[in-house]
């Protein structure tokens, strides 16, 4: 029966290791929840890029097939037709159009987790603490007899 009492320290160490690994380890619940949140962010980013793609596709089609749109775009870029007269206005700054926005690149971050070595050290310390506590209790019981 004495040996079973000391095995409690090993079982406590295993239980602590299991719980900490499950909750905060590299493949635990906190990392899993973080990856689920990252997946949702990626889905939103893909949805925004899809909408932006639709807008750019419409603009591209207009530039391919609509001559008036081509003329407007060319004049916004500073080109002119033969016979156009230009008036220079000073002090307004650069009036060229902003290039088309093509979206942002989103880089996923690595999830935060408790390194396995820290979990092992915590479990080992807890197991040794329980072992020392039970051993001390046995010594106290022997002295009191």
Protein backbone atom coordinates (compact mmCIF):
# COMPACT_ATOMS: atom_id res chain seq x y z
CA UNK A 1 0.00 0.00 0.00
CA UNK A 2 2.97 2.31 0.58
CA UNK A 3 3.99 2.11 -3.07
CA UNK A 4 0.52 3.09 -4.28
CA UNK A 5 0.72 6.16 -2.08
CA UNK A 6 3.88 7.29 -3.87
CA UNK A 7 2.41 6.56 -7.29
CA UNK A 8 -0.03 9.41 -6.60
CA UNK A 9 2.84 11.83 -7.35
CA UNK A 10 3.36 10.24 -10.76
CA UNK A 11 -0.36 10.29 -11.49
CA UNK A 12 -0.59 13.96 -10.48
CA UNK A 13 2.37 14.79 -12.76
CA UNK A 14 0.72 12.96 -15.65
CA UNK A 15 -2.62 14.66 -14.99
CA UNK A 16 -1.03 18.13 -14.88
CA UNK A 17 0.94 17.45 -18.05
CA UNK A 18 -2.20 16.23 -19.80
CA UNK A 19 -4.36 19.17 -18.72
CA UNK A 20 -1.76 21.82 -19.55
CA UNK A 21 -1.00 20.21 -22.92
CA UNK A 22 -4.70 19.96 -23.75
CA UNK A 23 -5.46 23.55 -22.77
CA UNK A 24 -2.33 25.51 -23.62
CA UNK A 25 0.04 23.28 -25.56
CA UNK A 26 1.13 23.59 -29.18
CA UNK A 27 -1.78 21.40 -30.29
CA UNK A 28 -4.11 22.38 -27.47
CA UNK A 29 -7.39 24.22 -27.29
CA UNK A 30 -5.94 27.74 -27.16
CA UNK A 31 -3.91 27.15 -30.33
CA UNK A 32 -6.96 25.56 -31.97
CA UNK A 33 -9.17 28.53 -31.08
CA UNK A 34 -6.50 30.91 -32.37
CA UNK A 35 -6.36 29.04 -35.67
CA UNK A 36 -10.15 29.17 -35.95
CA UNK A 37 -10.00 32.94 -35.50
CA UNK A 38 -7.24 33.15 -38.13
CA UNK A 39 -9.41 31.11 -40.50
CA UNK A 40 -12.28 33.57 -40.05
CA UNK A 41 -9.94 36.49 -40.74
CA UNK A 42 -8.68 34.74 -43.88
CA UNK A 43 -12.26 34.14 -45.05
CA UNK A 44 -13.09 37.84 -44.58
CA UNK A 45 -9.93 38.81 -46.47
CA UNK A 46 -10.83 36.46 -49.33
CA UNK A 47 -14.35 37.93 -49.42
CA UNK A 48 -12.94 41.49 -49.61
CA UNK A 49 -10.53 40.44 -52.35
CA UNK A 50 -13.41 38.87 -54.28
CA UNK A 51 -15.39 42.14 -54.15
CA UNK A 52 -12.31 44.09 -55.19
CA UNK A 53 -11.75 41.63 -58.04
CA UNK A 54 -15.30 42.22 -59.25
CA UNK A 55 -14.77 46.00 -59.24
CA UNK A 56 -11.46 45.69 -61.10
CA UNK A 57 -13.04 43.33 -63.61
CA UNK A 58 -15.77 45.88 -64.35
CA UNK A 59 -13.15 48.61 -64.77
CA UNK A 60 -11.08 46.37 -67.04
CA UNK A 61 -14.08 45.51 -69.21
CA UNK A 62 -14.98 49.19 -69.48
CA UNK A 63 -11.44 50.03 -70.56
CA UNK A 64 -11.46 47.23 -73.10
CA UNK A 65 -14.77 48.02 -74.77
CA UNK A 66 -15.89 51.59 -73.94
CA UNK A 67 -14.08 54.34 -75.86
CA UNK A 68 -15.40 57.14 -73.64
CA UNK A 69 -14.02 55.44 -70.55
CA UNK A 70 -10.64 55.09 -72.27
CA UNK A 71 -10.64 58.82 -73.09
CA UNK A 72 -11.55 59.80 -69.53
CA UNK A 73 -8.90 57.51 -68.09
CA UNK A 74 -6.26 58.80 -70.51
CA UNK A 75 -7.03 62.41 -69.63
CA UNK A 76 -6.84 61.64 -65.92
CA UNK A 77 -3.39 60.18 -66.55
CA UNK A 78 -2.29 63.40 -68.30
CA UNK A 79 -2.69 62.40 -71.94
CA UNK A 80 -4.56 64.54 -74.41
CA UNK A 81 -5.96 64.43 -77.90
CA UNK A 82 -4.77 66.32 -80.91
CA UNK A 83 -6.13 69.83 -80.82
CA UNK A 84 -6.63 69.92 -77.06
CA UNK A 85 -5.55 73.10 -75.35
CA UNK A 86 -4.14 72.90 -71.86
CA UNK A 87 -4.22 75.52 -69.16
CA UNK A 88 -1.64 75.26 -66.43
CA UNK A 89 -2.97 75.98 -62.96
CA UNK A 90 -0.26 76.47 -60.37
CA UNK A 91 -0.65 75.61 -56.69
CA UNK A 92 -3.09 72.71 -56.83
CA UNK A 93 -0.44 70.02 -56.44
CA UNK A 94 -0.37 66.74 -58.26
CA UNK A 95 -3.76 65.94 -59.77
CA UNK A 96 -2.94 62.52 -61.17
CA UNK A 97 -5.31 59.76 -60.20
CA UNK A 98 -4.41 57.23 -57.56
CA UNK A 99 -3.58 53.79 -59.02
CA UNK A 100 -6.12 51.04 -58.55
CA UNK A 101 -6.14 49.45 -55.09
CA UNK A 102 -5.47 45.72 -55.32
CA UNK A 103 -5.91 44.68 -51.67
CA UNK A 104 -3.62 43.88 -48.79
CA UNK A 105 -1.50 40.82 -48.23
CA UNK A 106 -2.47 39.22 -44.92
CA UNK A 107 0.16 37.18 -43.12
CA UNK A 108 -1.09 34.76 -40.51
CA UNK A 109 0.68 34.87 -37.17
CA UNK A 110 1.86 31.80 -35.31
CA UNK A 111 -0.40 30.88 -32.40
CA UNK A 112 0.79 31.53 -28.86
CA UNK A 113 1.17 28.41 -26.75
CA UNK A 114 3.01 27.15 -23.72
CA UNK A 115 6.22 25.38 -24.82
CA UNK A 116 6.28 21.68 -24.05
CA UNK A 117 9.40 21.94 -21.91
CA UNK A 118 7.63 24.35 -19.51
CA UNK A 119 4.67 21.97 -19.22
CA UNK A 120 7.03 19.07 -18.48
CA UNK A 121 8.89 21.09 -15.85
CA UNK A 122 5.62 22.16 -14.17
CA UNK A 123 4.33 18.58 -14.14
CA UNK A 124 7.63 17.24 -12.79
CA UNK A 125 7.71 19.88 -10.04
CA UNK A 126 4.12 19.15 -9.05
CA UNK A 127 4.77 15.39 -8.99
CA UNK A 128 7.91 15.82 -6.91
CA UNK A 129 6.10 18.20 -4.56
CA UNK A 130 3.33 15.65 -3.96
CA UNK A 131 5.93 12.89 -3.55
CA UNK A 132 7.90 14.94 -1.00
CA UNK A 133 4.69 15.87 0.82
CA UNK A 134 3.60 12.23 1.13
CA UNK A 135 7.11 11.14 2.13
CA UNK A 136 7.20 13.85 4.80
CA UNK A 137 3.79 12.76 6.10
CA UNK A 138 5.06 9.17 6.40
CA UNK A 139 8.16 10.30 8.31
CA UNK A 140 5.96 12.36 10.67
CA UNK A 141 3.67 9.33 11.21
CA UNK A 142 6.65 7.08 12.01
CA UNK A 143 8.02 9.56 14.56
CA UNK A 144 4.67 9.99 16.26
CA UNK A 145 4.29 6.21 16.84
